Protein backbone atom coordinates (compact mmCIF):
# COMPACT_ATOMS: atom_id res chain seq x y z
CA MET A 1 -1.35 -6.07 -20.03
CA SER A 2 -4.04 -4.95 -22.50
CA GLY A 3 -5.21 -8.29 -23.70
CA ALA A 4 -7.38 -7.95 -26.73
CA ALA A 5 -8.99 -4.68 -25.41
CA THR A 6 -9.55 -2.00 -28.01
CA PHE A 7 -11.22 1.48 -27.76
CA GLU A 8 -14.89 1.27 -28.33
CA GLY A 9 -17.60 4.00 -28.59
CA ASP A 10 -16.58 7.42 -30.15
CA PRO A 11 -13.48 7.60 -32.32
CA ALA A 12 -10.48 8.39 -30.01
CA PRO A 13 -8.92 11.82 -30.84
CA ALA A 14 -5.45 11.60 -32.34
CA GLY A 15 -2.76 10.62 -29.85
CA LEU A 16 -5.20 9.64 -27.05
CA THR A 17 -4.92 5.86 -27.64
CA GLU A 18 -1.13 6.09 -27.31
CA ALA A 19 -1.21 8.18 -24.23
CA PHE A 20 -3.79 5.80 -22.52
CA TRP A 21 -1.62 2.74 -23.12
CA ALA A 22 1.54 4.68 -21.98
CA TYR A 23 -0.20 5.38 -18.84
CA GLU A 24 -1.13 1.73 -18.31
CA ALA A 25 2.51 0.58 -19.08
CA ALA A 26 3.84 3.14 -16.61
CA LEU A 27 1.30 2.00 -14.10
CA MET A 28 2.38 -1.72 -14.32
CA ALA A 29 6.02 -0.79 -14.29
CA ASP A 30 5.50 1.60 -11.23
CA ASP A 31 7.27 4.31 -13.35
CA VAL A 32 6.41 7.17 -11.05
CA GLY A 33 8.05 9.84 -13.24
CA ALA A 34 5.96 8.74 -16.25
CA LEU A 35 2.80 8.69 -14.29
CA ASP A 36 3.56 12.12 -13.00
CA ARG A 37 3.99 13.46 -16.46
CA LEU A 38 0.77 11.97 -17.70
CA PHE A 39 -1.27 13.58 -14.80
CA ALA A 40 -2.05 17.17 -15.48
CA PRO A 41 -0.08 19.63 -13.28
CA GLY A 42 -1.72 22.03 -10.93
CA PRO A 43 -3.95 22.11 -7.86
CA GLU A 44 -7.20 21.08 -9.60
CA THR A 45 -6.19 17.51 -10.73
CA LEU A 46 -8.26 14.81 -9.05
CA ARG A 47 -7.79 11.21 -8.15
CA GLY A 48 -10.43 9.25 -6.15
CA ASP A 49 -11.08 5.70 -5.01
CA ALA A 50 -12.94 3.80 -2.13
CA SER A 51 -10.42 5.26 0.38
CA GLY A 52 -11.05 8.92 -0.45
CA LEU A 53 -10.26 11.79 -2.87
CA LEU A 54 -6.79 13.30 -3.54
CA VAL A 55 -6.91 16.93 -4.82
CA GLY A 56 -3.94 18.42 -6.66
CA HIS A 57 -1.06 16.98 -8.69
CA ASP A 58 1.46 17.01 -5.81
CA ARG A 59 -0.76 15.14 -3.44
CA ILE A 60 -1.42 12.53 -6.12
CA ALA A 61 2.16 12.17 -6.79
CA ALA A 62 3.05 11.73 -3.17
CA PHE A 63 0.56 8.98 -2.75
CA ARG A 64 1.76 7.20 -5.89
CA ALA A 65 5.36 7.36 -4.67
CA ALA A 66 4.46 5.92 -1.29
CA ARG A 67 2.19 3.09 -2.32
CA GLY A 68 4.83 0.79 -3.85
CA GLY A 69 3.06 0.01 -7.17
CA ALA A 70 -0.37 -0.96 -8.20
CA PRO A 71 -1.78 -4.53 -8.32
CA ARG A 72 -1.13 -6.40 -11.58
CA ARG A 73 -4.12 -6.37 -13.94
CA THR A 74 -5.44 -6.73 -17.45
CA ILE A 75 -7.61 -4.21 -19.37
CA THR A 76 -10.56 -6.10 -20.76
CA GLN A 77 -12.57 -3.18 -22.16
CA VAL A 78 -11.98 0.44 -23.06
CA HIS A 79 -14.82 2.97 -23.88
CA VAL A 80 -14.23 6.45 -25.10
CA ARG A 81 -16.67 9.49 -25.09
CA ARG A 82 -15.53 12.64 -26.71
CA ALA A 83 -16.30 15.73 -24.72
CA ALA A 84 -14.54 18.28 -26.97
CA ASP A 85 -11.81 18.43 -29.56
CA ASP A 86 -9.20 18.32 -26.77
CA ALA A 87 -11.03 16.41 -24.06
CA ALA A 88 -12.43 12.88 -23.74
CA LEU A 89 -13.72 10.53 -21.10
CA VAL A 90 -12.17 7.13 -21.12
CA VAL A 91 -13.70 4.19 -19.08
CA ALA A 92 -11.72 1.05 -18.71
CA VAL A 93 -12.86 -2.36 -17.28
CA THR A 94 -10.04 -4.22 -15.43
CA ARG A 95 -9.42 -7.66 -14.13
CA ASN A 96 -6.81 -8.03 -11.37
CA ASP A 97 -4.48 -10.97 -11.28
CA ALA A 98 -5.23 -11.51 -7.52
CA GLY A 99 -8.91 -11.65 -8.34
CA GLY A 100 -11.78 -9.31 -8.71
CA VAL A 101 -12.86 -6.79 -11.42
CA GLY A 102 -12.78 -3.09 -11.46
CA GLN A 103 -13.34 0.12 -13.45
CA GLN A 104 -11.14 3.15 -14.14
CA THR A 105 -12.72 6.36 -15.34
CA GLN A 106 -10.47 9.13 -16.61
CA LEU A 107 -10.94 12.59 -18.05
CA TRP A 108 -8.15 13.38 -20.50
CA ARG A 109 -7.28 16.75 -21.74
CA ARG A 110 -4.89 17.77 -24.47
CA SER A 111 -2.47 20.73 -23.96
CA ALA A 112 0.91 21.87 -25.27
CA ALA A 113 2.40 18.94 -23.21
CA GLY A 114 0.07 16.37 -24.90
CA TRP A 115 -2.70 14.32 -23.54
CA GLN A 116 -2.94 14.17 -19.67
CA VAL A 117 -5.33 12.88 -17.00
CA ALA A 118 -7.23 15.82 -15.42
CA ALA A 119 -9.40 13.55 -13.16
CA ALA A 120 -9.55 9.93 -12.44
CA HIS A 121 -11.53 7.53 -10.26
CA VAL A 122 -10.66 3.89 -9.59
CA SER A 123 -12.94 1.18 -8.18
CA HIS A 124 -12.35 -2.48 -7.55
CA THR A 125 -14.53 -5.37 -6.37
CA PRO A 126 -12.35 -8.10 -4.88
CA SER A 127 -13.20 -11.75 -5.59
CA GLY A 128 -12.51 -13.27 -2.23
CA ALA A 129 -9.34 -11.23 -1.98
CA LEU A 130 -8.33 -9.28 1.23
CA ASP A 131 -6.11 -6.34 1.41
CA PRO A 132 -2.94 -7.92 2.85
CA SER A 133 -1.81 -4.68 4.27
CA VAL A 134 -4.96 -4.75 6.61
CA TRP A 135 -5.64 -8.36 7.11
CA ARG A 136 -3.33 -11.44 7.73
CA VAL A 137 -6.32 -13.91 7.73
CA ALA A 138 -10.05 -13.53 7.75
CA GLY A 139 -13.16 -15.57 7.52
CA THR A 140 -16.93 -15.36 7.31
CA PRO A 141 -16.41 -15.34 10.28
CA LEU A 142 -13.06 -16.67 11.28
CA VAL A 143 -14.39 -17.65 14.73
CA ALA A 144 -18.13 -17.49 15.56
CA GLY A 145 -19.35 -16.11 18.81
CA ARG A 146 -22.06 -17.35 21.04
CA PRO A 147 -25.47 -17.11 19.48
CA ASP A 148 -26.69 -14.83 22.23
CA GLY A 149 -25.16 -12.14 24.47
CA PRO A 150 -24.83 -8.32 24.49
CA LEU A 151 -22.47 -8.20 21.47
CA ARG A 152 -24.36 -10.54 19.25
CA GLY A 153 -24.00 -9.61 15.62
CA ARG A 154 -20.83 -7.46 16.33
CA SER A 155 -17.71 -8.27 14.22
CA VAL A 156 -14.18 -7.88 15.59
CA ALA A 157 -10.72 -7.48 14.03
CA VAL A 158 -8.07 -8.99 16.35
CA LYS A 159 -4.70 -7.29 16.34
CA ASP A 160 -1.96 -9.80 15.41
CA LEU A 161 -0.57 -9.89 18.90
CA PHE A 162 -3.37 -11.90 20.53
CA ALA A 163 -3.73 -15.62 20.61
CA VAL A 164 -6.57 -16.93 18.35
CA ALA A 165 -7.07 -20.56 18.66
CA GLY A 166 -5.91 -22.59 15.60
CA HIS A 167 -3.61 -19.75 14.38
CA ALA A 168 -0.07 -18.64 15.13
CA ILE A 169 0.69 -15.08 16.27
CA GLY A 170 2.60 -13.09 13.67
CA ALA A 171 3.23 -9.72 15.40
CA GLY A 172 3.84 -8.02 11.98
CA VAL A 173 6.99 -9.93 11.12
CA PRO A 174 7.10 -12.78 8.63
CA SER A 175 10.17 -14.54 10.37
CA PHE A 176 8.43 -14.23 13.75
CA LEU A 177 5.20 -15.88 12.40
CA THR A 178 7.27 -18.68 10.73
CA GLY A 179 8.75 -19.57 14.20
CA ARG A 180 5.49 -19.65 16.12
CA THR A 181 3.37 -22.69 16.81
CA VAL A 182 -0.50 -22.69 16.43
CA GLU A 183 -2.18 -21.31 19.59
CA PRO A 184 -4.20 -23.94 21.48
CA ALA A 185 -6.68 -21.47 23.02
CA HIS A 186 -7.90 -17.90 22.72
CA ALA A 187 -6.40 -15.09 24.65
CA PRO A 188 -8.89 -14.11 27.51
CA ALA A 189 -9.45 -10.79 25.83
CA VAL A 190 -10.64 -12.58 22.67
CA GLN A 191 -12.54 -15.09 24.51
CA ALA A 192 -14.59 -12.56 26.43
CA LEU A 193 -15.89 -10.99 23.25
CA LEU A 194 -16.77 -14.36 21.72
CA ASP A 195 -18.55 -15.33 24.94
CA ALA A 196 -20.65 -12.08 24.66
CA GLY A 197 -21.66 -13.05 21.16
CA ALA A 198 -19.23 -11.17 18.99
CA SER A 199 -17.60 -12.92 16.14
CA VAL A 200 -13.94 -12.66 15.05
CA VAL A 201 -13.83 -11.87 11.41
CA GLY A 202 -10.15 -11.82 11.15
CA ILE A 203 -6.60 -11.29 12.42
CA ALA A 204 -5.47 -7.77 11.40
CA ARG A 205 -1.98 -6.27 10.88
CA THR A 206 0.30 -4.60 13.33
CA ASP A 207 3.55 -2.65 13.04
CA GLU A 208 6.57 -4.99 13.53
CA LEU A 209 6.46 -6.30 17.21
CA ALA A 210 4.12 -3.34 17.89
CA TYR A 211 7.26 -1.06 18.27
CA SER A 212 5.92 1.99 16.31
CA VAL A 213 2.88 4.34 16.14
CA ALA A 214 3.24 5.16 12.37
CA GLY A 215 1.35 2.26 10.76
CA ARG A 216 3.91 1.47 8.20
CA ASN A 217 4.95 -2.20 7.74
CA PRO A 218 7.78 -2.88 5.32
CA HIS A 219 6.62 -6.61 4.78
CA TYR A 220 2.99 -6.12 4.25
CA GLY A 221 2.53 -2.59 3.22
CA THR A 222 0.76 0.50 4.75
CA PRO A 223 -3.03 0.27 5.14
CA VAL A 224 -5.14 3.13 3.81
CA ASN A 225 -6.50 5.86 6.09
CA PRO A 226 -10.06 6.33 4.98
CA ALA A 227 -10.34 9.58 6.80
CA VAL A 228 -7.19 11.15 5.28
CA PRO A 229 -6.40 9.95 1.69
CA GLY A 230 -2.79 9.56 1.32
CA GLY A 231 -2.19 9.76 5.26
CA LEU A 232 -0.64 7.24 7.45
CA PRO A 233 -3.17 5.15 9.40
CA GLY A 234 -1.39 5.16 12.70
CA GLY A 235 0.07 2.16 14.54
CA SER A 236 0.75 -0.09 15.92
CA SER A 237 -2.95 -1.05 15.79
CA ASN A 238 -3.06 -0.09 12.12
CA GLY A 239 -4.89 -3.19 10.89
CA PRO A 240 -7.75 -3.21 13.38
CA ALA A 241 -8.08 0.58 13.06
CA THR A 242 -8.39 0.54 9.15
CA ALA A 243 -10.66 -2.50 9.27
CA VAL A 244 -13.08 -0.59 11.61
CA ALA A 245 -12.75 2.69 9.61
CA LEU A 246 -13.58 0.88 6.32
CA GLY A 247 -16.59 -0.78 7.98
CA GLN A 248 -15.13 -4.30 7.58
CA ALA A 249 -15.39 -4.83 11.35
CA ASP A 250 -17.30 -3.16 14.12
CA VAL A 251 -14.61 -3.43 16.77
CA GLY A 252 -10.84 -3.43 16.82
CA LEU A 253 -9.31 -5.41 19.64
CA ALA A 254 -5.94 -3.92 20.12
CA THR A 255 -3.14 -2.92 22.49
CA ASP A 256 -1.73 0.51 23.63
CA THR A 257 1.76 0.65 25.13
CA ALA A 258 2.74 4.24 24.10
CA GLY A 259 -0.39 5.23 22.11
CA SER A 260 -1.04 2.36 19.67
CA ILE A 261 -4.79 2.64 20.23
CA ARG A 262 -5.05 6.35 20.60
CA VAL A 263 -2.90 7.26 17.67
CA PRO A 264 -4.71 5.44 14.87
CA ALA A 265 -8.07 6.50 16.55
CA SER A 266 -6.94 10.13 16.21
CA TYR A 267 -5.55 9.81 12.67
CA GLN A 268 -8.66 7.98 11.37
CA GLY A 269 -11.48 9.71 13.30
CA LEU A 270 -12.42 6.68 15.53
CA TRP A 271 -13.20 6.16 19.05
CA GLY A 272 -10.40 4.41 21.10
CA LEU A 273 -9.97 3.41 24.67
CA ARG A 274 -6.70 2.36 26.42
CA THR A 275 -7.80 0.73 29.74
CA THR A 276 -6.30 1.07 33.09
CA HIS A 277 -3.06 -0.91 33.19
CA GLY A 278 -3.85 -4.40 34.24
CA ALA A 279 -7.61 -4.09 34.23
CA VAL A 280 -7.87 -6.48 31.22
CA PRO A 281 -5.92 -9.70 31.27
CA ARG A 282 -2.88 -9.77 29.07
CA ASP A 283 -2.44 -13.56 28.92
CA GLY A 284 -2.05 -14.89 25.42
CA LEU A 285 -0.67 -11.58 24.22
CA VAL A 286 2.84 -11.06 22.76
CA PRO A 287 4.26 -8.23 24.97
CA LEU A 288 6.35 -5.22 24.09
CA ALA A 289 6.94 -3.46 27.43
CA PRO A 290 4.75 -5.14 30.19
CA ARG A 291 5.04 -2.14 32.58
CA TYR A 292 2.99 -0.10 29.97
CA ASP A 293 1.18 -2.67 27.75
CA THR A 294 -2.56 -2.48 28.00
CA VAL A 295 -5.56 -3.95 26.05
CA GLY A 296 -8.34 -1.79 24.59
CA TRP A 297 -10.63 -1.40 21.72
CA LEU A 298 -11.47 0.80 18.71
CA ALA A 299 -14.94 1.57 17.24
CA ARG A 300 -16.68 4.02 14.83
CA ASP A 301 -19.01 5.25 17.55
CA ALA A 302 -19.01 5.79 21.35
CA ALA A 303 -22.01 3.37 21.99
CA THR A 304 -20.31 0.48 20.46
CA LEU A 305 -17.12 1.20 22.34
CA LEU A 306 -19.06 1.40 25.63
CA ASP A 307 -20.72 -1.87 25.04
CA VAL A 308 -17.49 -3.66 24.30
CA ALA A 309 -15.74 -2.00 27.27
CA CYS A 310 -18.47 -3.11 29.63
CA VAL A 311 -17.77 -6.68 28.46
CA GLY A 312 -14.01 -6.52 28.35
CA LEU A 313 -13.84 -4.84 31.81
CA ALA A 314 -16.41 -7.18 33.42
CA GLY A 315 -14.82 -8.20 36.82
CA ALA A 316 -12.50 -5.24 36.93
CA PRO A 317 -13.04 -2.59 39.71
CA GLN A 318 -14.59 0.66 38.37
CA ARG A 319 -14.97 3.95 39.92
CA ALA A 320 -18.38 5.76 39.94
CA GLY A 321 -18.08 9.26 38.42
CA ALA A 322 -15.32 10.61 36.23
CA GLY A 323 -14.61 13.89 38.08
CA ARG A 324 -13.79 17.42 37.11
CA LEU A 325 -12.18 18.25 33.77
CA ALA A 326 -8.78 19.83 33.87
CA VAL A 327 -6.44 20.94 30.99
CA VAL A 328 -2.87 19.70 30.81
CA ASP A 329 -0.41 22.58 30.51
CA LEU A 330 1.04 21.90 27.11
CA TRP A 331 3.93 24.43 27.26
CA SER A 332 6.45 21.75 26.46
CA ALA A 333 4.27 19.54 24.08
CA GLY A 334 5.53 20.70 20.79
CA LEU A 335 2.15 20.66 19.21
CA GLU A 336 1.52 21.85 15.65
CA GLU A 337 -0.12 25.23 15.83
CA PRO A 338 -3.26 24.23 14.09
CA VAL A 339 -3.75 21.35 16.52
CA ALA A 340 -3.16 23.66 19.52
CA ALA A 341 -5.77 26.18 18.10
CA ALA A 342 -8.38 23.47 17.58
CA PHE A 343 -7.77 22.23 21.14
CA ARG A 344 -8.03 25.69 22.59
CA ASP A 345 -11.36 26.35 20.81
CA ALA A 346 -12.66 23.00 22.06
CA VAL A 347 -11.71 23.80 25.62
CA ALA A 348 -13.20 27.22 25.43
CA ALA A 349 -16.52 25.69 24.44
CA LEU A 350 -16.74 23.34 27.30
CA GLY A 351 -17.67 25.73 29.92
CA PRO A 352 -20.57 27.40 28.01
CA ALA A 353 -21.68 23.83 27.25
CA GLY A 354 -22.20 23.11 30.94
CA PHE A 355 -19.03 21.19 31.81
CA ASP A 356 -17.12 21.83 34.96
CA VAL A 357 -13.53 22.73 33.88
CA ASP A 358 -10.79 23.67 36.24
CA PRO A 359 -9.61 27.19 35.51
CA VAL A 360 -5.94 26.32 36.22
CA ALA A 361 -4.09 24.07 33.89
CA VAL A 362 -2.38 21.11 35.39
CA ASP A 363 1.48 21.28 35.04
CA VAL A 364 2.52 17.67 34.80
CA GLY A 365 6.09 18.68 34.30
CA ASP A 366 8.27 18.88 31.16
CA LEU A 367 6.62 16.53 28.63
CA GLY A 368 9.94 16.21 26.78
CA GLU A 369 11.54 14.87 30.09
CA LEU A 370 8.49 12.68 30.77
CA TYR A 371 8.71 11.11 27.28
CA GLU A 372 12.48 10.58 27.70
CA ALA A 373 12.11 8.59 30.87
CA PHE A 374 9.18 6.65 29.31
CA ARG A 375 11.14 5.93 26.18
CA VAL A 376 14.12 4.51 28.14
CA THR A 377 12.14 2.26 30.36
CA GLN A 378 9.97 1.13 27.36
CA ALA A 379 13.16 0.38 25.35
CA PHE A 380 14.89 -1.53 28.09
CA GLU A 381 11.81 -3.72 28.50
CA ALA A 382 11.32 -4.24 24.80
CA TRP A 383 14.91 -5.41 24.55
CA GLN A 384 14.46 -7.82 27.47
CA GLN A 385 11.30 -9.27 25.78
CA HIS A 386 12.62 -9.45 22.18
CA GLY A 387 16.46 -8.74 22.10
CA ALA A 388 17.51 -12.37 21.89
CA TRP A 389 15.05 -13.08 18.97
CA VAL A 390 16.15 -9.89 17.23
CA GLU A 391 19.82 -10.85 17.47
CA ALA A 392 19.07 -14.37 16.32
CA HIS A 393 17.24 -13.04 13.20
CA PRO A 394 19.37 -10.29 11.52
CA GLY A 395 17.52 -8.61 8.70
CA ALA A 396 14.16 -9.73 9.92
CA LEU A 397 12.98 -6.11 10.77
CA GLY A 398 12.60 -3.11 8.65
CA THR A 399 15.03 -0.26 8.95
CA GLU A 400 13.03 1.97 11.41
CA VAL A 401 12.06 -0.75 13.93
CA ALA A 402 15.51 -2.38 13.65
CA ALA A 403 17.04 1.02 14.53
CA ARG A 404 14.73 1.33 17.49
CA PHE A 405 15.79 -2.18 18.80
CA ALA A 406 19.45 -1.35 18.12
CA ALA A 407 19.01 1.84 20.35
CA ALA A 408 17.19 -0.31 22.93
CA SER A 409 20.03 -2.84 23.11
CA ARG A 410 22.35 -0.03 24.26
CA VAL A 411 20.23 0.98 27.31
CA THR A 412 22.20 -0.08 30.37
CA ALA A 413 20.72 -1.33 33.65
CA ASP A 414 21.91 1.80 35.33
CA GLU A 415 20.21 4.00 32.78
CA ALA A 416 17.01 2.00 32.99
CA ALA A 417 17.14 2.14 36.79
CA ALA A 418 17.48 6.03 36.69
CA ALA A 419 14.64 6.26 34.15
CA ASP A 420 12.51 4.06 36.28
CA ARG A 421 12.88 6.38 39.28
CA ALA A 422 12.11 9.40 37.13
CA VAL A 423 8.92 7.58 35.80
CA THR A 424 7.81 6.70 39.43
CA GLU A 425 8.42 10.32 40.53
CA ALA A 426 6.60 11.65 37.51
CA CYS A 427 3.54 9.32 38.30
CA ASP A 428 3.40 10.53 41.91
CA ARG A 429 3.60 14.19 40.79
CA ILE A 430 0.94 13.79 38.15
CA GLU A 431 -1.42 11.96 40.55
CA ASP A 432 -0.79 14.71 43.23
CA ARG A 433 -1.39 17.56 40.81
CA ALA A 434 -4.32 15.98 38.92
CA ALA A 435 -5.99 15.03 42.30
CA GLY A 436 -8.50 12.59 40.61
CA ARG A 437 -9.45 14.96 37.78
CA VAL A 438 -9.88 13.93 34.24
CA LEU A 439 -7.09 15.40 32.11
CA LEU A 440 -7.73 16.95 28.74
CA LEU A 441 -5.16 17.10 25.90
CA PRO A 442 -4.94 16.45 22.17
CA SER A 443 -4.49 12.67 21.36
CA THR A 444 -1.76 13.45 18.81
CA SER A 445 0.48 16.43 18.03
CA SER A 446 -0.73 16.54 14.41
CA PRO A 447 -3.21 14.97 11.96
CA ALA A 448 -2.14 12.00 10.13
CA PRO A 449 1.23 12.62 8.31
CA ASP A 450 1.46 11.76 4.57
CA ALA A 451 2.44 8.19 3.97
CA ALA A 452 4.99 9.46 1.61
CA ALA A 453 6.67 11.84 4.17
CA PRO A 454 10.38 11.01 4.84
CA SER A 455 11.26 8.97 7.79
CA ALA A 456 12.62 11.97 9.58
CA VAL A 457 9.40 13.74 9.42
CA VAL A 458 7.34 10.85 10.58
CA GLU A 459 9.88 10.29 13.46
CA ALA A 460 9.53 13.91 14.44
CA SER A 461 5.73 13.57 14.57
CA ARG A 462 5.98 10.45 16.48
CA ALA A 463 8.22 11.91 19.15
CA ALA A 464 5.89 14.88 19.59
CA THR A 465 2.85 12.73 19.86
CA LEU A 466 4.50 10.45 22.44
CA ARG A 467 5.04 13.42 24.63
CA LEU A 468 1.18 13.53 24.92
CA THR A 469 0.46 9.78 24.98
CA CYS A 470 3.06 8.95 27.68
CA VAL A 471 1.05 10.75 30.45
CA ALA A 472 -1.42 7.84 30.51
CA GLY A 473 1.42 5.30 30.13
CA ILE A 474 3.38 6.72 33.06
CA THR A 475 0.33 6.84 35.22
CA GLY A 476 -1.35 3.64 34.16
CA ARG A 477 -4.57 5.57 33.83
CA PRO A 478 -7.26 4.92 31.19
CA ALA A 479 -7.34 7.24 28.20
CA VAL A 480 -10.03 7.82 25.60
CA SER A 481 -9.47 9.29 22.14
CA ALA A 482 -12.68 10.95 20.97
CA PRO A 483 -13.07 12.13 17.31
CA VAL A 484 -13.79 15.77 18.21
CA LEU A 485 -11.14 18.01 16.71
CA THR A 486 -10.61 18.92 13.11
CA VAL A 487 -7.55 20.41 11.41
CA ASP A 488 -7.81 21.34 7.66
CA GLY A 489 -10.45 18.75 7.25
CA ALA A 490 -8.50 15.96 8.90
CA PRO A 491 -9.52 14.38 12.22
CA VAL A 492 -7.50 14.76 15.44
CA GLY A 493 -8.60 13.09 18.70
CA LEU A 494 -9.51 14.88 21.94
CA GLY A 495 -7.74 12.90 24.64
CA LEU A 496 -9.31 12.36 28.11
CA VAL A 497 -7.07 10.69 30.67
CA GLY A 498 -9.24 9.47 33.58
CA ALA A 499 -8.45 8.27 37.07
CA ARG A 500 -7.31 4.70 37.47
CA ASP A 501 -10.28 2.22 37.39
CA GLY A 502 -12.33 4.99 35.97
CA ASP A 503 -12.53 3.55 32.43
CA LEU A 504 -16.24 3.38 31.92
CA ALA A 505 -16.79 6.74 33.65
CA THR A 506 -14.22 8.43 31.50
CA LEU A 507 -15.66 6.92 28.45
CA ALA A 508 -19.10 8.12 29.26
CA LEU A 509 -17.86 11.70 30.00
CA ALA A 510 -15.96 11.73 26.64
CA ARG A 511 -19.25 10.69 25.03
CA GLN A 512 -20.97 13.70 26.50
CA VAL A 513 -18.10 16.04 25.69
CA ALA A 514 -18.22 14.83 21.98
CA ALA A 515 -21.98 15.35 21.82
CA ALA A 516 -21.60 18.84 23.13
CA LEU A 517 -18.61 19.91 20.91
CA ARG A 518 -19.76 18.16 17.70
CA PRO A 519 -23.60 18.30 17.73
CA ALA A 520 -23.81 17.99 13.96
CA ARG A 521 -22.37 14.47 14.14
CA ARG A 522 -24.79 13.28 16.87
CA GLU A 523 -22.98 9.99 17.16
CA GLU A 524 -24.30 9.44 20.55
CA ALA A 525 -27.93 10.18 19.82
CA THR A 526 -28.30 7.92 16.70
CA GLU A 527 -29.29 4.31 16.58
CA GLU A 528 -26.32 1.83 16.58
CA THR A 529 -25.10 1.01 13.20
CA THR A 530 -25.86 -2.24 11.48
CA SER A 531 -23.00 -4.69 11.70
CA PRO A 532 -21.57 -5.30 8.19
CA ARG A 533 -21.96 -8.85 7.12
CA PRO A 534 -18.72 -10.85 6.94
CA GLU A 535 -19.02 -11.49 3.19
CA ARG A 536 -18.43 -7.73 2.58
CA MET A 537 -14.77 -8.18 3.81
CA GLY A 538 -12.36 -6.42 1.48
CA ALA A 539 -15.15 -4.76 -0.56
């Protein structure tokens, strides 16, 4: 663990050397209790790394409990600088077993409880290593695009549901990947981006068989959420979303069945577009529930997303003009109050900003009932698609997704037919009441939950969020999540659900709304960001 590293620089105060190596031993053993004791209590303790800053002992402890241990490493150098009799700065140089070097800077303070870390910052530079929770495979690039085209220079992270020639599809499950053969050709959605000049830099992770919106994968780990340190990234398009948020890709090619683009976009402060159902070919894609499965994209800015959407939707019919804005009546949504308040404030600002907003909210019905009909039909289709495989591979899935499939297996044909009728009636009702208008609602019911939150808490958040996202699923309409709302410093997306075949018009309207509501960000008025070079992957 320590190698030959010894303390250099100023003499270490009595007891500090022992406390430092006790901390390192606890870190390598993932002894969460010991690590908690060695970090100073209280709301002012700090821990930072490339994914963000955690403030307060409790937040740090929750993050540590959820991450499942730190990478194995060796301490190669330790330097100490005394700040006072009872305070010292310790800087350690590390070498990870998986490759790469790093630094760890800690401010230690002595109290009646002994030496404890009051502030820490960790950095790491990989040596060709990728975060396996984000990427399944990557290259520089993995697949090069055409040398010209409107997306030349753009980099793409492909969700591990799409066919990429020369690679098997893994769908977030090791056993599934083992049983797949190498794909002979790219999925059309992948090929379209390559033909337009974009390059695929890697295949990014997904939740198991895409049957989740949390972003937790028990086999490969949970990607970081750069916008909310210690928060869930959102799923099932968690890998592409995190890759984009980290700047390791410009675009995430993803799918959205029940919110799998819009939820990670909301949680991570990204732009996300779920396209009109059927507008983008779904060939070469592992399905979940074909009635609802759609293709779409994630990006850090609206201009990039619009460029990609124009390419991906080429040949699909598109309406001219998005139409008038109308707020969805959220009486049955179950929103967290801070989200509801942020949404109300945003809506109130639209009229003074010059937008035509219908004064009467659109009552789409009981959102809980809509979600229940959606859930049953989705579950029935998911079992038709994957039930035989799930039964043939007991133990292949983690607890949460396995339980979801077990429930899906119990949906009878009669229950599915009744839910199908309810979905059809709901679709007709929403189309009649919306009358071509663009519907406004929050993208998610809450900001990103803590990654350490109990499963019951995450499941409750999931269910409340799906009450919102199912509106687009039931109607087959396109939906945009725009990074507009903020709750306690965390992003929450503003959702715009447009008319069928109004994808580009809805995205253009969302861009205008965001520019009006968040003028300080000016995402739409700035030059396009420079594409990160492929060799920066994992930095």
